[in-house]
């Protein structure tokens, strides 16, 4: 039993490191992750690495292609828009239920999580072109807390999966000028204020605009990248 527990702990640690490296942008979308290279990188057995890859593919961070292996998830702009629309519809419903049923304790927790988000620098002087890990985690926590009072745990899990699927692109397009000039703090404050005021129509409208604006930034970044490379944009 002790040996099994130790193996499970090692597996969780490796999966966590691999997951963190994916979000840190160590590999671009579409990169094939080689088991042999990962065993050296993380000092783990091929069995542990494969288990981590399978689990991360279940979280939609990786895509498995038969006879080819595991690849960092890659989406077309049309697929990203589809994911964004699905996320909006899921979270609009979830936030509406949370506003209807959330108590004062949930409101207090939401205010605290938002306070942490506002006090966490989005970018650092050491790396001004990329989102800091601390801000990324605080941002995830804020959006998760918005839905926490929703009485449907499966909806919360699905929303988190959809959010992480597009998070990779949000992080990789961070250097884009539109991403850097965006007043995302004001967007979060507006969503928070409408939620605390129990104004579901306004809160869900602002949440949708917040998410779709992110997709617009990703699309703009992809457009510029394609133009600079001399590739077609459609």
C-alpha atoms as a PDB file:
ATOM      1  CA  UNK A   1       0.000   0.000   0.000  1.00  0.00           C
ATOM      2  CA  UNK A   2       2.826   2.393   0.902  1.00  0.00           C
ATOM      3  CA  UNK A   3       4.542   1.714  -2.415  1.00  0.00           C
ATOM      4  CA  UNK A   4       1.295   2.371  -4.301  1.00  0.00           C
ATOM      5  CA  UNK A   5       0.703   5.608  -2.392  1.00  0.00           C
ATOM      6  CA  UNK A   6       4.256   6.732  -3.166  1.00  0.00           C
ATOM      7  CA  UNK A   7       3.784   5.957  -6.872  1.00  0.00           C
ATOM      8  CA  UNK A   8       0.552   7.973  -6.908  1.00  0.00           C
ATOM      9  CA  UNK A   9       2.321  10.903  -5.222  1.00  0.00           C
ATOM     10  CA  UNK A  10       5.129  10.836  -7.798  1.00  0.00           C
ATOM     11  CA  UNK A  11       2.553  10.719 -10.588  1.00  0.00           C
ATOM     12  CA  UNK A  12       0.721  13.743  -9.172  1.00  0.00           C
ATOM     13  CA  UNK A  13       3.961  15.706  -8.769  1.00  0.00           C
ATOM     14  CA  UNK A  14       5.042  15.003 -12.341  1.00  0.00           C
ATOM     15  CA  UNK A  15       1.607  15.846 -13.719  1.00  0.00           C
ATOM     16  CA  UNK A  16       1.660  19.114 -11.785  1.00  0.00           C
ATOM     17  CA  UNK A  17       5.093  20.053 -13.137  1.00  0.00           C
ATOM     18  CA  UNK A  18       4.128  19.158 -16.689  1.00  0.00           C
ATOM     19  CA  UNK A  19       0.879  21.080 -16.376  1.00  0.00           C
ATOM     20  CA  UNK A  20       2.715  24.129 -15.013  1.00  0.00           C
ATOM     21  CA  UNK A  21       5.219  24.019 -17.864  1.00  0.00           C
ATOM     22  CA  UNK A  22       2.420  23.869 -20.434  1.00  0.00           C
ATOM     23  CA  UNK A  23       0.824  26.972 -18.932  1.00  0.00           C
ATOM     24  CA  UNK A  24       4.242  28.638 -18.717  1.00  0.00           C
ATOM     25  CA  UNK A  25       4.434  28.395 -22.497  1.00  0.00           C
ATOM     26  CA  UNK A  26       7.328  25.936 -22.645  1.00  0.00           C
ATOM     27  CA  UNK A  27       5.751  24.451 -25.770  1.00  0.00           C
ATOM     28  CA  UNK A  28       3.707  26.148 -28.472  1.00  0.00           C
ATOM     29  CA  UNK A  29       0.268  24.824 -29.538  1.00  0.00           C
ATOM     30  CA  UNK A  30       0.649  21.747 -31.707  1.00  0.00           C
ATOM     31  CA  UNK A  31       4.020  20.672 -30.253  1.00  0.00           C
ATOM     32  CA  UNK A  32       4.506  16.906 -30.036  1.00  0.00           C
ATOM     33  CA  UNK A  33       5.589  15.944 -26.512  1.00  0.00           C
ATOM     34  CA  UNK A  34       8.048  13.058 -26.685  1.00  0.00           C
ATOM     35  CA  UNK A  35       7.909  10.573 -23.800  1.00  0.00           C
ATOM     36  CA  UNK A  36      11.666   9.973 -23.934  1.00  0.00           C
ATOM     37  CA  UNK A  37      12.481  13.662 -23.619  1.00  0.00           C
ATOM     38  CA  UNK A  38       9.980  14.133 -20.793  1.00  0.00           C
ATOM     39  CA  UNK A  39      11.417  11.239 -18.763  1.00  0.00           C
ATOM     40  CA  UNK A  40      14.775  13.039 -18.793  1.00  0.00           C
ATOM     41  CA  UNK A  41      13.228  16.433 -18.088  1.00  0.00           C
ATOM     42  CA  UNK A  42      11.262  15.278 -15.036  1.00  0.00           C
ATOM     43  CA  UNK A  43      13.409  12.334 -13.913  1.00  0.00           C
ATOM     44  CA  UNK A  44      10.444   9.978 -14.010  1.00  0.00           C
ATOM     45  CA  UNK A  45       9.674   6.622 -15.606  1.00  0.00           C
ATOM     46  CA  UNK A  46       7.980   6.387 -18.992  1.00  0.00           C
ATOM     47  CA  UNK A  47       4.955   4.837 -17.245  1.00  0.00           C
ATOM     48  CA  UNK A  48       4.547   7.883 -14.994  1.00  0.00           C
ATOM     49  CA  UNK A  49       5.003  10.249 -17.935  1.00  0.00           C
ATOM     50  CA  UNK A  50       2.396   8.442 -20.060  1.00  0.00           C
ATOM     51  CA  UNK A  51      -0.073   8.487 -17.178  1.00  0.00           C
ATOM     52  CA  UNK A  52       0.429  12.248 -16.801  1.00  0.00           C
ATOM     53  CA  UNK A  53      -0.050  12.768 -20.543  1.00  0.00           C
ATOM     54  CA  UNK A  54      -3.269  10.740 -20.552  1.00  0.00           C
ATOM     55  CA  UNK A  55      -4.689  12.715 -17.636  1.00  0.00           C
ATOM     56  CA  UNK A  56      -3.748  16.058 -19.168  1.00  0.00           C
ATOM     57  CA  UNK A  57      -5.399  15.034 -22.420  1.00  0.00           C
ATOM     58  CA  UNK A  58      -8.532  14.378 -20.374  1.00  0.00           C
ATOM     59  CA  UNK A  59      -8.266  17.988 -19.155  1.00  0.00           C
ATOM     60  CA  UNK A  60      -8.055  19.126 -22.817  1.00  0.00           C
ATOM     61  CA  UNK A  61      -4.574  20.576 -22.358  1.00  0.00           C
ATOM     62  CA  UNK A  62      -3.190  17.901 -24.667  1.00  0.00           C
ATOM     63  CA  UNK A  63      -4.581  16.122 -27.710  1.00  0.00           C
ATOM     64  CA  UNK A  64      -3.882  12.437 -28.388  1.00  0.00           C
ATOM     65  CA  UNK A  65      -3.446  11.432 -32.012  1.00  0.00           C
ATOM     66  CA  UNK A  66      -3.386   7.670 -32.665  1.00  0.00           C
ATOM     67  CA  UNK A  67       0.008   6.367 -33.792  1.00  0.00           C
ATOM     68  CA  UNK A  68       1.488   9.850 -33.397  1.00  0.00           C
ATOM     69  CA  UNK A  69       1.382  10.606 -29.676  1.00  0.00           C
ATOM     70  CA  UNK A  70       0.426  13.568 -27.507  1.00  0.00           C
ATOM     71  CA  UNK A  71       0.391  17.170 -28.694  1.00  0.00           C
ATOM     72  CA  UNK A  72      -0.147  20.461 -26.885  1.00  0.00           C
ATOM     73  CA  UNK A  73      -3.747  21.361 -27.703  1.00  0.00           C
ATOM     74  CA  UNK A  74      -4.123  23.392 -30.847  1.00  0.00           C
ATOM     75  CA  UNK A  75      -7.302  25.071 -32.087  1.00  0.00           C
ATOM     76  CA  UNK A  76      -8.305  27.021 -35.151  1.00  0.00           C
ATOM     77  CA  UNK A  77      -9.782  30.470 -34.598  1.00  0.00           C
ATOM     78  CA  UNK A  78     -13.181  29.050 -35.482  1.00  0.00           C
ATOM     79  CA  UNK A  79     -12.777  26.355 -32.824  1.00  0.00           C
ATOM     80  CA  UNK A  80     -11.643  28.949 -30.272  1.00  0.00           C
ATOM     81  CA  UNK A  81     -14.719  31.054 -30.989  1.00  0.00           C
ATOM     82  CA  UNK A  82     -16.852  27.954 -30.569  1.00  0.00           C
ATOM     83  CA  UNK A  83     -15.196  27.163 -27.238  1.00  0.00           C
ATOM     84  CA  UNK A  84     -15.625  30.782 -26.178  1.00  0.00           C
ATOM     85  CA  UNK A  85     -19.324  30.758 -27.027  1.00  0.00           C
ATOM     86  CA  UNK A  86     -19.843  27.474 -25.185  1.00  0.00           C
ATOM     87  CA  UNK A  87     -17.995  28.810 -22.164  1.00  0.00           C
ATOM     88  CA  UNK A  88     -20.140  31.945 -22.174  1.00  0.00           C
ATOM     89  CA  UNK A  89     -23.384  29.986 -22.241  1.00  0.00           C
ATOM     90  CA  UNK A  90     -22.280  27.585 -19.524  1.00  0.00           C
ATOM     91  CA  UNK A  91     -21.024  30.315 -17.214  1.00  0.00           C
ATOM     92  CA  UNK A  92     -23.927  32.670 -17.860  1.00  0.00           C
ATOM     93  CA  UNK A  93     -26.242  29.970 -16.537  1.00  0.00           C
ATOM     94  CA  UNK A  94     -23.878  29.049 -13.710  1.00  0.00           C
ATOM     95  CA  UNK A  95     -23.421  32.658 -12.582  1.00  0.00           C
ATOM     96  CA  UNK A  96     -27.171  33.245 -12.679  1.00  0.00           C
ATOM     97  CA  UNK A  97     -27.698  30.279 -10.344  1.00  0.00           C
ATOM     98  CA  UNK A  98     -24.841  31.425  -8.112  1.00  0.00           C
ATOM     99  CA  UNK A  99     -26.336  34.910  -7.783  1.00  0.00           C
ATOM    100  CA  UNK A 100     -29.732  33.413  -6.979  1.00  0.00           C
ATOM    101  CA  UNK A 101     -28.443  31.006  -4.326  1.00  0.00           C
ATOM    102  CA  UNK A 102     -25.140  32.408  -3.076  1.00  0.00           C
ATOM    103  CA  UNK A 103     -25.056  33.537   0.559  1.00  0.00           C
ATOM    104  CA  UNK A 104     -23.176  36.289   2.379  1.00  0.00           C
ATOM    105  CA  UNK A 105     -20.223  33.972   3.008  1.00  0.00           C
ATOM    106  CA  UNK A 106     -19.867  33.475  -0.758  1.00  0.00           C
ATOM    107  CA  UNK A 107     -20.007  37.243  -1.294  1.00  0.00           C
ATOM    108  CA  UNK A 108     -17.277  37.748   1.310  1.00  0.00           C
ATOM    109  CA  UNK A 109     -15.078  35.079  -0.239  1.00  0.00           C
ATOM    110  CA  UNK A 110     -15.605  36.579  -3.689  1.00  0.00           C
ATOM    111  CA  UNK A 111     -14.563  40.017  -2.437  1.00  0.00           C
ATOM    112  CA  UNK A 112     -11.456  38.513  -0.836  1.00  0.00           C
ATOM    113  CA  UNK A 113     -10.449  36.602  -3.960  1.00  0.00           C
ATOM    114  CA  UNK A 114     -10.957  39.703  -6.084  1.00  0.00           C
ATOM    115  CA  UNK A 115      -8.879  41.755  -3.650  1.00  0.00           C
ATOM    116  CA  UNK A 116      -6.022  39.291  -4.077  1.00  0.00           C
ATOM    117  CA  UNK A 117      -6.391  39.496  -7.865  1.00  0.00           C
ATOM    118  CA  UNK A 118      -6.264  43.300  -7.850  1.00  0.00           C
ATOM    119  CA  UNK A 119      -3.220  43.337  -5.582  1.00  0.00           C
ATOM    120  CA  UNK A 120      -1.293  40.818  -7.698  1.00  0.00           C
ATOM    121  CA  UNK A 121       0.781  42.370 -10.530  1.00  0.00           C
ATOM    122  CA  UNK A 122      -0.341  41.073 -13.915  1.00  0.00           C
ATOM    123  CA  UNK A 123       3.145  41.583 -15.336  1.00  0.00           C
ATOM    124  CA  UNK A 124       6.508  42.029 -13.697  1.00  0.00           C
ATOM    125  CA  UNK A 125       9.408  44.339 -14.524  1.00  0.00           C
ATOM    126  CA  UNK A 126      11.557  41.246 -15.075  1.00  0.00           C
ATOM    127  CA  UNK A 127       9.189  39.917 -17.756  1.00  0.00           C
ATOM    128  CA  UNK A 128       6.757  42.664 -18.856  1.00  0.00           C
ATOM    129  CA  UNK A 129       5.608  40.776 -21.955  1.00  0.00           C
ATOM    130  CA  UNK A 130       4.088  37.812 -20.171  1.00  0.00           C
ATOM    131  CA  UNK A 131       1.475  37.149 -17.513  1.00  0.00           C
ATOM    132  CA  UNK A 132       2.913  36.303 -14.104  1.00  0.00           C
ATOM    133  CA  UNK A 133       2.146  32.870 -12.669  1.00  0.00           C
ATOM    134  CA  UNK A 134       0.801  34.475  -9.478  1.00  0.00           C
ATOM    135  CA  UNK A 135      -1.669  36.618 -11.418  1.00  0.00           C
ATOM    136  CA  UNK A 136      -2.716  33.701 -13.598  1.00  0.00           C
ATOM    137  CA  UNK A 137      -3.569  31.625 -10.511  1.00  0.00           C
ATOM    138  CA  UNK A 138      -5.390  34.542  -8.849  1.00  0.00           C
ATOM    139  CA  UNK A 139      -7.351  35.085 -12.060  1.00  0.00           C
ATOM    140  CA  UNK A 140      -8.380  31.432 -12.194  1.00  0.00           C
ATOM    141  CA  UNK A 141      -9.438  31.603  -8.545  1.00  0.00           C
ATOM    142  CA  UNK A 142     -11.624  34.661  -9.152  1.00  0.00           C
ATOM    143  CA  UNK A 143     -13.513  33.107 -12.046  1.00  0.00           C
ATOM    144  CA  UNK A 144     -13.925  29.831 -10.156  1.00  0.00           C
ATOM    145  CA  UNK A 145     -15.279  31.699  -7.117  1.00  0.00           C
ATOM    146  CA  UNK A 146     -17.897  33.453  -9.268  1.00  0.00           C
ATOM    147  CA  UNK A 147     -19.476  30.061  -9.942  1.00  0.00           C
ATOM    148  CA  UNK A 148     -18.816  28.461  -6.569  1.00  0.00           C
ATOM    149  CA  UNK A 149     -22.340  29.100  -5.277  1.00  0.00           C
ATOM    150  CA  UNK A 150     -23.826  27.380  -8.320  1.00  0.00           C
ATOM    151  CA  UNK A 151     -25.450  24.160  -7.018  1.00  0.00           C
ATOM    152  CA  UNK A 152     -24.276  22.100 -10.006  1.00  0.00           C
ATOM    153  CA  UNK A 153     -20.692  20.868  -9.431  1.00  0.00           C
ATOM    154  CA  UNK A 154     -20.554  19.291 -12.889  1.00  0.00           C
ATOM    155  CA  UNK A 155     -21.173  22.710 -14.444  1.00  0.00           C
ATOM    156  CA  UNK A 156     -18.318  24.173 -12.426  1.00  0.00           C
ATOM    157  CA  UNK A 157     -15.971  21.392 -13.562  1.00  0.00           C
ATOM    158  CA  UNK A 158     -16.991  21.818 -17.198  1.00  0.00           C
ATOM    159  CA  UNK A 159     -16.503  25.584 -17.005  1.00  0.00           C
ATOM    160  CA  UNK A 160     -13.008  25.079 -15.571  1.00  0.00           C
ATOM    161  CA  UNK A 161     -12.122  22.687 -18.398  1.00  0.00           C
ATOM    162  CA  UNK A 162     -13.322  25.161 -21.034  1.00  0.00           C
ATOM    163  CA  UNK A 163     -11.408  27.960 -19.353  1.00  0.00           C
ATOM    164  CA  UNK A 164      -8.156  26.021 -19.342  1.00  0.00           C
ATOM    165  CA  UNK A 165      -8.576  25.037 -22.986  1.00  0.00           C
ATOM    166  CA  UNK A 166      -8.406  28.694 -23.989  1.00  0.00           C
ATOM    167  CA  UNK A 167      -5.978  29.735 -21.230  1.00  0.00           C
ATOM    168  CA  UNK A 168      -3.042  28.492 -23.280  1.00  0.00           C
ATOM    169  CA  UNK A 169      -3.849  30.965 -26.035  1.00  0.00           C
ATOM    170  CA  UNK A 170      -4.460  33.794 -23.578  1.00  0.00           C
ATOM    171  CA  UNK A 171      -0.993  33.285 -22.152  1.00  0.00           C
ATOM    172  CA  UNK A 172       0.783  32.930 -25.489  1.00  0.00           C
ATOM    173  CA  UNK A 173      -0.777  36.097 -26.916  1.00  0.00           C
ATOM    174  CA  UNK A 174       0.080  38.184 -23.836  1.00  0.00           C
ATOM    175  CA  UNK A 175       2.850  40.131 -25.650  1.00  0.00           C
ATOM    176  CA  UNK A 176       0.314  41.475 -28.166  1.00  0.00           C
ATOM    177  CA  UNK A 177      -0.251  45.241 -27.821  1.00  0.00           C
ATOM    178  CA  UNK A 178      -4.024  44.857 -27.479  1.00  0.00           C
ATOM    179  CA  UNK A 179      -3.543  42.454 -24.590  1.00  0.00           C
ATOM    180  CA  UNK A 180      -1.134  44.824 -22.863  1.00  0.00           C
ATOM    181  CA  UNK A 181      -3.330  47.919 -23.249  1.00  0.00           C
ATOM    182  CA  UNK A 182      -6.556  46.236 -22.174  1.00  0.00           C
ATOM    183  CA  UNK A 183      -7.997  47.397 -18.838  1.00  0.00           C
ATOM    184  CA  UNK A 184      -8.806  43.927 -17.616  1.00  0.00           C
ATOM    185  CA  UNK A 185      -8.865  45.107 -13.994  1.00  0.00           C
ATOM    186  CA  UNK A 186     -11.835  47.375 -14.779  1.00  0.00           C
ATOM    187  CA  UNK A 187     -13.598  44.445 -16.455  1.00  0.00           C
ATOM    188  CA  UNK A 188     -13.192  42.301 -13.344  1.00  0.00           C
ATOM    189  CA  UNK A 189     -14.383  45.078 -11.045  1.00  0.00           C
ATOM    190  CA  UNK A 190     -17.514  45.594 -13.140  1.00  0.00           C
ATOM    191  CA  UNK A 191     -18.325  41.882 -13.081  1.00  0.00           C
ATOM    192  CA  UNK A 192     -17.767  41.780  -9.315  1.00  0.00           C
ATOM    193  CA  UNK A 193     -19.944  44.820  -8.620  1.00  0.00           C
ATOM    194  CA  UNK A 194     -22.848  43.495 -10.691  1.00  0.00           C
ATOM    195  CA  UNK A 195     -22.557  40.091  -9.007  1.00  0.00           C
ATOM    196  CA  UNK A 196     -22.531  41.530  -5.477  1.00  0.00           C
ATOM    197  CA  UNK A 197     -25.503  43.709  -6.445  1.00  0.00           C
ATOM    198  CA  UNK A 198     -27.300  40.481  -7.444  1.00  0.00           C
ATOM    199  CA  UNK A 199     -27.837  41.894 -10.934  1.00  0.00           C
ATOM    200  CA  UNK A 200     -27.648  38.669 -12.942  1.00  0.00           C
ATOM    201  CA  UNK A 201     -28.489  40.161 -16.384  1.00  0.00           C
ATOM    202  CA  UNK A 202     -25.705  42.762 -16.089  1.00  0.00           C
ATOM    203  CA  UNK A 203     -23.202  40.371 -14.518  1.00  0.00           C
ATOM    204  CA  UNK A 204     -23.665  37.718 -17.211  1.00  0.00           C
ATOM    205  CA  UNK A 205     -23.555  40.336 -19.978  1.00  0.00           C
ATOM    206  CA  UNK A 206     -20.255  41.698 -18.631  1.00  0.00           C
ATOM    207  CA  UNK A 207     -18.857  38.186 -18.236  1.00  0.00           C
ATOM    208  CA  UNK A 208     -19.683  37.374 -21.864  1.00  0.00           C
ATOM    209  CA  UNK A 209     -18.075  40.608 -23.076  1.00  0.00           C
ATOM    210  CA  UNK A 210     -15.005  39.837 -20.948  1.00  0.00           C
ATOM    211  CA  UNK A 211     -14.543  36.392 -22.488  1.00  0.00           C
ATOM    212  CA  UNK A 212     -15.301  37.367 -26.070  1.00  0.00           C
ATOM    213  CA  UNK A 213     -12.933  40.329 -25.849  1.00  0.00           C
ATOM    214  CA  UNK A 214     -10.221  37.807 -24.994  1.00  0.00           C
ATOM    215  CA  UNK A 215     -11.061  35.804 -28.128  1.00  0.00           C
ATOM    216  CA  UNK A 216     -10.860  39.036 -30.157  1.00  0.00           C
ATOM    217  CA  UNK A 217      -7.353  39.701 -28.793  1.00  0.00           C
ATOM    218  CA  UNK A 218      -6.281  36.150 -29.653  1.00  0.00           C
ATOM    219  CA  UNK A 219      -7.663  36.534 -33.163  1.00  0.00           C
ATOM    220  CA  UNK A 220      -5.901  39.882 -33.606  1.00  0.00           C
ATOM    221  CA  UNK A 221      -2.610  38.381 -32.424  1.00  0.00           C
ATOM    222  CA  UNK A 222      -3.001  35.442 -34.813  1.00  0.00           C
ATOM    223  CA  UNK A 223      -3.764  37.871 -37.662  1.00  0.00           C
ATOM    224  CA  UNK A 224      -0.597  39.877 -37.046  1.00  0.00           C
ATOM    225  CA  UNK A 225       1.522  36.747 -36.653  1.00  0.00           C
ATOM    226  CA  UNK A 226       0.224  35.395 -39.968  1.00  0.00           C
ATOM    227  CA  UNK A 227       0.771  38.753 -41.714  1.00  0.00           C
ATOM    228  CA  UNK A 228       4.357  39.008 -40.496  1.00  0.00           C
ATOM    229  CA  UNK A 229       5.028  35.452 -41.674  1.00  0.00           C
ATOM    230  CA  UNK A 230       3.422  36.159 -45.057  1.00  0.00           C
ATOM    231  CA  UNK A 231       0.700  33.583 -44.462  1.00  0.00           C
ATOM    232  CA  UNK A 232      -3.004  33.833 -45.394  1.00  0.00           C
ATOM    233  CA  UNK A 233      -5.212  35.114 -42.561  1.00  0.00           C
ATOM    234  CA  UNK A 234      -8.399  33.246 -43.390  1.00  0.00           C
END
